[in-house]
C-alpha atoms as a PDB file:
ATOM      1  CA  MET A   1    -119.157 202.290-143.742  1.00  0.00           C
ATOM      2  CA  PRO A   2    -118.484 202.397-139.781  1.00  0.00           C
ATOM      3  CA  LEU A   3    -117.548 199.186-137.909  1.00  0.00           C
ATOM      4  CA  LEU A   4    -119.870 198.603-134.880  1.00  0.00           C
ATOM      5  CA  ILE A   5    -119.082 196.470-131.787  1.00  0.00           C
ATOM      6  CA  GLU A   6    -120.972 196.333-128.774  1.00  0.00           C
ATOM      7  CA  ARG A   7    -119.719 198.335-125.751  1.00  0.00           C
ATOM      8  CA  ILE A   8    -118.499 196.513-122.651  1.00  0.00           C
ATOM      9  CA  GLN A   9    -119.447 197.419-119.298  1.00  0.00           C
ATOM     10  CA  GLU A  10    -116.413 195.983-117.264  1.00  0.00           C
ATOM     11  CA  GLY A  11    -113.343 194.671-118.757  1.00  0.00           C
ATOM     12  CA  THR A  12    -110.410 195.693-120.710  1.00  0.00           C
ATOM     13  CA  VAL A  13    -109.748 197.139-124.300  1.00  0.00           C
ATOM     14  CA  ILE A  14    -106.133 196.742-125.775  1.00  0.00           C
ATOM     15  CA  ASP A  15    -106.019 199.506-128.579  1.00  0.00           C
ATOM     16  CA  ARG A  16    -102.990 200.397-130.775  1.00  0.00           C
ATOM     17  CA  ILE A  17    -101.769 196.740-131.272  1.00  0.00           C
ATOM     18  CA  GLN A  18     -99.929 196.620-134.621  1.00  0.00           C
ATOM     19  CA  ALA A  19    -101.801 195.361-137.476  1.00  0.00           C
ATOM     20  CA  PHE A  20    -102.326 191.556-137.592  1.00  0.00           C
ATOM     21  CA  ARG A  21    -100.640 190.912-134.206  1.00  0.00           C
ATOM     22  CA  GLY A  22    -103.931 190.922-132.150  1.00  0.00           C
ATOM     23  CA  ILE A  23    -104.191 186.989-132.706  1.00  0.00           C
ATOM     24  CA  ARG A  24    -100.636 186.857-130.908  1.00  0.00           C
ATOM     25  CA  VAL A  25    -101.916 188.921-128.022  1.00  0.00           C
ATOM     26  CA  LEU A  26    -104.903 186.587-127.692  1.00  0.00           C
ATOM     27  CA  GLU A  27    -102.396 183.441-127.820  1.00  0.00           C
ATOM     28  CA  ILE A  28    -100.064 185.141-125.004  1.00  0.00           C
ATOM     29  CA  LEU A  29    -102.807 185.840-122.798  1.00  0.00           C
ATOM     30  CA  HIS A  30    -104.392 182.340-123.407  1.00  0.00           C
ATOM     31  CA  LEU A  31    -107.686 183.439-124.672  1.00  0.00           C
ATOM     32  CA  ILE A  32    -107.776 181.267-127.418  1.00  0.00           C
ATOM     33  CA  PRO A  33    -109.799 178.068-126.324  1.00  0.00           C
ATOM     34  CA  THR A  34    -108.673 174.808-127.061  1.00  0.00           C
ATOM     35  CA  GLY A  35    -109.406 171.323-126.136  1.00  0.00           C
ATOM     36  CA  PRO A  36    -112.340 170.352-124.163  1.00  0.00           C
ATOM     37  CA  ASN A  37    -112.318 173.382-121.898  1.00  0.00           C
ATOM     38  CA  GLN A  38    -113.490 175.790-124.447  1.00  0.00           C
ATOM     39  CA  ALA A  39    -116.832 175.884-123.240  1.00  0.00           C
ATOM     40  CA  GLU A  40    -115.485 177.033-119.954  1.00  0.00           C
ATOM     41  CA  MET A  41    -114.635 180.465-121.332  1.00  0.00           C
ATOM     42  CA  LYS A  42    -116.834 183.178-119.583  1.00  0.00           C
ATOM     43  CA  SER A  43    -115.364 186.140-121.197  1.00  0.00           C
ATOM     44  CA  ARG A  44    -116.831 187.546-124.319  1.00  0.00           C
ATOM     45  CA  ILE A  45    -113.845 188.829-126.765  1.00  0.00           C
ATOM     46  CA  ALA A  46    -113.753 190.659-129.777  1.00  0.00           C
ATOM     47  CA  LEU A  47    -110.586 191.113-131.871  1.00  0.00           C
ATOM     48  CA  VAL A  48    -110.709 193.680-134.849  1.00  0.00           C
ATOM     49  CA  ILE A  49    -108.147 193.385-137.281  1.00  0.00           C
ATOM     50  CA  ASN A  50    -106.523 195.721-139.614  1.00  0.00           C
ATOM     51  CA  VAL A  51    -108.768 198.887-138.853  1.00  0.00           C
ATOM     52  CA  PRO A  52    -107.519 202.509-139.881  1.00  0.00           C
ATOM     53  CA  SER A  53    -105.678 204.259-137.263  1.00  0.00           C
ATOM     54  CA  ARG A  54    -104.588 207.928-137.295  1.00  0.00           C
ATOM     55  CA  HIS A  55    -101.530 207.233-135.239  1.00  0.00           C
ATOM     56  CA  MET A  56    -100.387 203.831-136.886  1.00  0.00           C
ATOM     57  CA  GLY A  57    -101.968 203.871-140.299  1.00  0.00           C
ATOM     58  CA  ARG A  58    -103.451 200.355-139.192  1.00  0.00           C
ATOM     59  CA  LYS A  59    -104.030 198.522-136.250  1.00  0.00           C
ATOM     60  CA  ASP A  60    -105.767 195.736-134.129  1.00  0.00           C
ATOM     61  CA  ILE A  61    -108.128 196.459-131.212  1.00  0.00           C
ATOM     62  CA  LEU A  62    -108.790 193.446-128.539  1.00  0.00           C
ATOM     63  CA  LYS A  63    -111.684 193.887-126.282  1.00  0.00           C
ATOM     64  CA  ILE A  64    -111.941 191.457-123.184  1.00  0.00           C
ATOM     65  CA  GLU A  65    -115.280 191.579-121.327  1.00  0.00           C
ATOM     66  CA  GLY A  66    -115.304 190.898-117.454  1.00  0.00           C
ATOM     67  CA  ARG A  67    -111.429 190.933-116.976  1.00  0.00           C
ATOM     68  CA  GLU A  68    -108.615 193.356-116.080  1.00  0.00           C
ATOM     69  CA  LEU A  69    -105.221 192.440-116.848  1.00  0.00           C
ATOM     70  CA  GLN A  70    -102.613 191.460-114.393  1.00  0.00           C
ATOM     71  CA  PRO A  71     -99.059 193.329-114.343  1.00  0.00           C
ATOM     72  CA  ALA A  72     -97.362 190.177-115.732  1.00  0.00           C
ATOM     73  CA  GLU A  73     -99.828 190.088-118.783  1.00  0.00           C
ATOM     74  CA  VAL A  74     -99.393 193.704-119.386  1.00  0.00           C
ATOM     75  CA  ASN A  75     -95.648 193.153-119.568  1.00  0.00           C
ATOM     76  CA  LYS A  76     -96.050 190.091-122.245  1.00  0.00           C
ATOM     77  CA  ILE A  77     -98.230 192.516-124.297  1.00  0.00           C
ATOM     78  CA  ALA A  78     -95.367 194.952-124.166  1.00  0.00           C
ATOM     79  CA  LEU A  79     -93.112 192.459-125.556  1.00  0.00           C
ATOM     80  CA  ILE A  80     -95.038 191.883-128.846  1.00  0.00           C
ATOM     81  CA  ALA A  81     -97.102 195.146-129.052  1.00  0.00           C
ATOM     82  CA  PRO A  82     -94.912 198.089-127.610  1.00  0.00           C
ATOM     83  CA  GLU A  83     -97.143 200.835-128.838  1.00  0.00           C
ATOM     84  CA  ALA A  84    -100.191 199.281-127.223  1.00  0.00           C
ATOM     85  CA  ARG A  85    -102.806 201.219-125.001  1.00  0.00           C
ATOM     86  CA  LEU A  86    -104.707 199.562-122.219  1.00  0.00           C
ATOM     87  CA  ASN A  87    -108.155 200.961-121.462  1.00  0.00           C
ATOM     88  CA  VAL A  88    -109.706 199.552-118.154  1.00  0.00           C
ATOM     89  CA  ILE A  89    -113.284 199.722-118.436  1.00  0.00           C
ATOM     90  CA  ARG A  90    -115.544 200.159-115.398  1.00  0.00           C
ATOM     91  CA  GLY A  91    -119.273 200.909-115.549  1.00  0.00           C
ATOM     92  CA  GLY A  92    -119.217 201.515-119.167  1.00  0.00           C
ATOM     93  CA  LYS A  93    -116.666 204.151-119.174  1.00  0.00           C
ATOM     94  CA  VAL A  94    -112.942 204.120-119.457  1.00  0.00           C
ATOM     95  CA  GLY A  95    -111.719 204.226-115.847  1.00  0.00           C
ATOM     96  CA  VAL A  96    -107.911 203.876-116.576  1.00  0.00           C
ATOM     97  CA  LYS A  97    -105.800 204.454-119.575  1.00  0.00           C
ATOM     98  CA  GLN A  98    -102.261 203.217-119.665  1.00  0.00           C
ATOM     99  CA  ASP A  99     -99.573 202.822-122.431  1.00  0.00           C
ATOM    100  CA  VAL A 100     -97.754 199.600-122.150  1.00  0.00           C
ATOM    101  CA  LYS A 101     -93.998 199.726-121.380  1.00  0.00           C
ATOM    102  CA  LEU A 102     -91.522 197.227-120.693  1.00  0.00           C
ATOM    103  CA  PRO A 103     -90.212 197.263-116.689  1.00  0.00           C
ATOM    104  CA  LEU A 104     -86.655 197.526-116.025  1.00  0.00           C
ATOM    105  CA  LYS A 105     -86.646 193.753-115.314  1.00  0.00           C
ATOM    106  CA  LEU A 106     -88.709 191.051-116.818  1.00  0.00           C
ATOM    107  CA  GLU A 107     -88.804 187.894-114.438  1.00  0.00           C
ATOM    108  CA  GLY A 108     -90.506 184.831-115.456  1.00  0.00           C
ATOM    109  CA  ILE A 109     -92.371 186.119-118.621  1.00  0.00           C
ATOM    110  CA  ALA A 110     -90.268 184.748-121.393  1.00  0.00           C
ATOM    111  CA  VAL A 111     -87.987 182.057-122.014  1.00  0.00           C
ATOM    112  CA  CYS A 112     -84.152 183.113-123.329  1.00  0.00           C
ATOM    113  CA  PRO A 113     -83.820 182.200-126.740  1.00  0.00           C
ATOM    114  CA  ASN A 114     -80.169 181.055-126.465  1.00  0.00           C
ATOM    115  CA  PRO A 115     -80.488 177.314-126.359  1.00  0.00           C
ATOM    116  CA  GLN A 116     -77.061 177.058-124.289  1.00  0.00           C
ATOM    117  CA  CYS A 117     -78.391 179.401-121.787  1.00  0.00           C
ATOM    118  CA  ILE A 118     -78.372 177.799-118.262  1.00  0.00           C
ATOM    119  CA  SER A 119     -81.652 179.195-117.462  1.00  0.00           C
ATOM    120  CA  ARG A 120     -83.368 176.999-120.172  1.00  0.00           C
ATOM    121  CA  VAL A 121     -81.846 173.788-118.427  1.00  0.00           C
ATOM    122  CA  GLU A 122     -81.611 174.381-114.884  1.00  0.00           C
ATOM    123  CA  MET A 123     -84.225 176.861-114.117  1.00  0.00           C
ATOM    124  CA  ASP A 124     -88.052 177.648-114.688  1.00  0.00           C
ATOM    125  CA  ASN A 125     -87.272 181.588-114.592  1.00  0.00           C
ATOM    126  CA  SER A 126     -85.555 183.846-117.168  1.00  0.00           C
ATOM    127  CA  ILE A 127     -84.566 187.219-116.018  1.00  0.00           C
ATOM    128  CA  PHE A 128     -83.868 189.843-118.733  1.00  0.00           C
ATOM    129  CA  ASN A 129     -82.776 193.419-117.884  1.00  0.00           C
ATOM    130  CA  THR A 130     -84.141 196.187-120.163  1.00  0.00           C
ATOM    131  CA  GLU A 131     -81.669 198.371-121.952  1.00  0.00           C
ATOM    132  CA  PRO A 132     -82.102 200.824-124.730  1.00  0.00           C
ATOM    133  CA  ARG A 133     -80.838 198.273-127.416  1.00  0.00           C
ATOM    134  CA  GLY A 134     -82.994 195.613-126.052  1.00  0.00           C
ATOM    135  CA  LEU A 135     -83.259 192.924-123.288  1.00  0.00           C
ATOM    136  CA  ARG A 136     -80.467 191.421-122.025  1.00  0.00           C
ATOM    137  CA  CYS A 137     -80.589 187.754-120.141  1.00  0.00           C
ATOM    138  CA  GLN A 138     -79.137 187.827-116.861  1.00  0.00           C
ATOM    139  CA  TYR A 139     -77.483 184.499-116.896  1.00  0.00           C
ATOM    140  CA  CYS A 140     -75.981 184.309-120.503  1.00  0.00           C
ATOM    141  CA  GLU A 141     -75.831 188.116-120.772  1.00  0.00           C
ATOM    142  CA  ARG A 142     -76.934 188.058-124.472  1.00  0.00           C
ATOM    143  CA  LEU A 143     -78.834 190.915-125.765  1.00  0.00           C
ATOM    144  CA  PHE A 144     -82.112 190.342-127.819  1.00  0.00           C
ATOM    145  CA  ALA A 145     -84.777 192.228-129.541  1.00  0.00           C
ATOM    146  CA  PRO A 146     -88.251 191.759-127.446  1.00  0.00           C
ATOM    147  CA  SER A 147     -89.484 190.000-130.471  1.00  0.00           C
ATOM    148  CA  GLU A 148     -86.902 187.228-130.072  1.00  0.00           C
ATOM    149  CA  LEU A 149     -87.951 186.395-126.707  1.00  0.00           C
ATOM    150  CA  LEU A 150     -90.127 183.125-126.377  1.00  0.00           C
ATOM    151  CA  VAL A 151     -93.285 184.161-124.843  1.00  0.00           C
END
């Protein structure tokens, strides 16, 4: 039985999110309403969890109506869902398709997980350089897996 979700005319569809990570994507994009401001959320959001996928076996899909993501938001998604694909919807059709990828340098997106790192004590921004084996903190020079960073 096919799953039917209404099409959006303008917005973003994030496809190929690893199964059960869609909720985490909602969290890092601050799309889960909390507190008294929850009535102010204007975008309709659809999260489909654990659907069949030819490429991945199982996946999540997130539709956000009326919003295109900023580059910093795309970088956050790349940290927790590196296989994700963004589809920007304009006029009811896919305008842009883009696979997420980590940039060479991540700045101000995540916090260094090393509790001894100077960036956690004296600065608001952590800077990480992308390497083949992971992300290296520019300040403490420790290497971390993307999933270890505190987003």
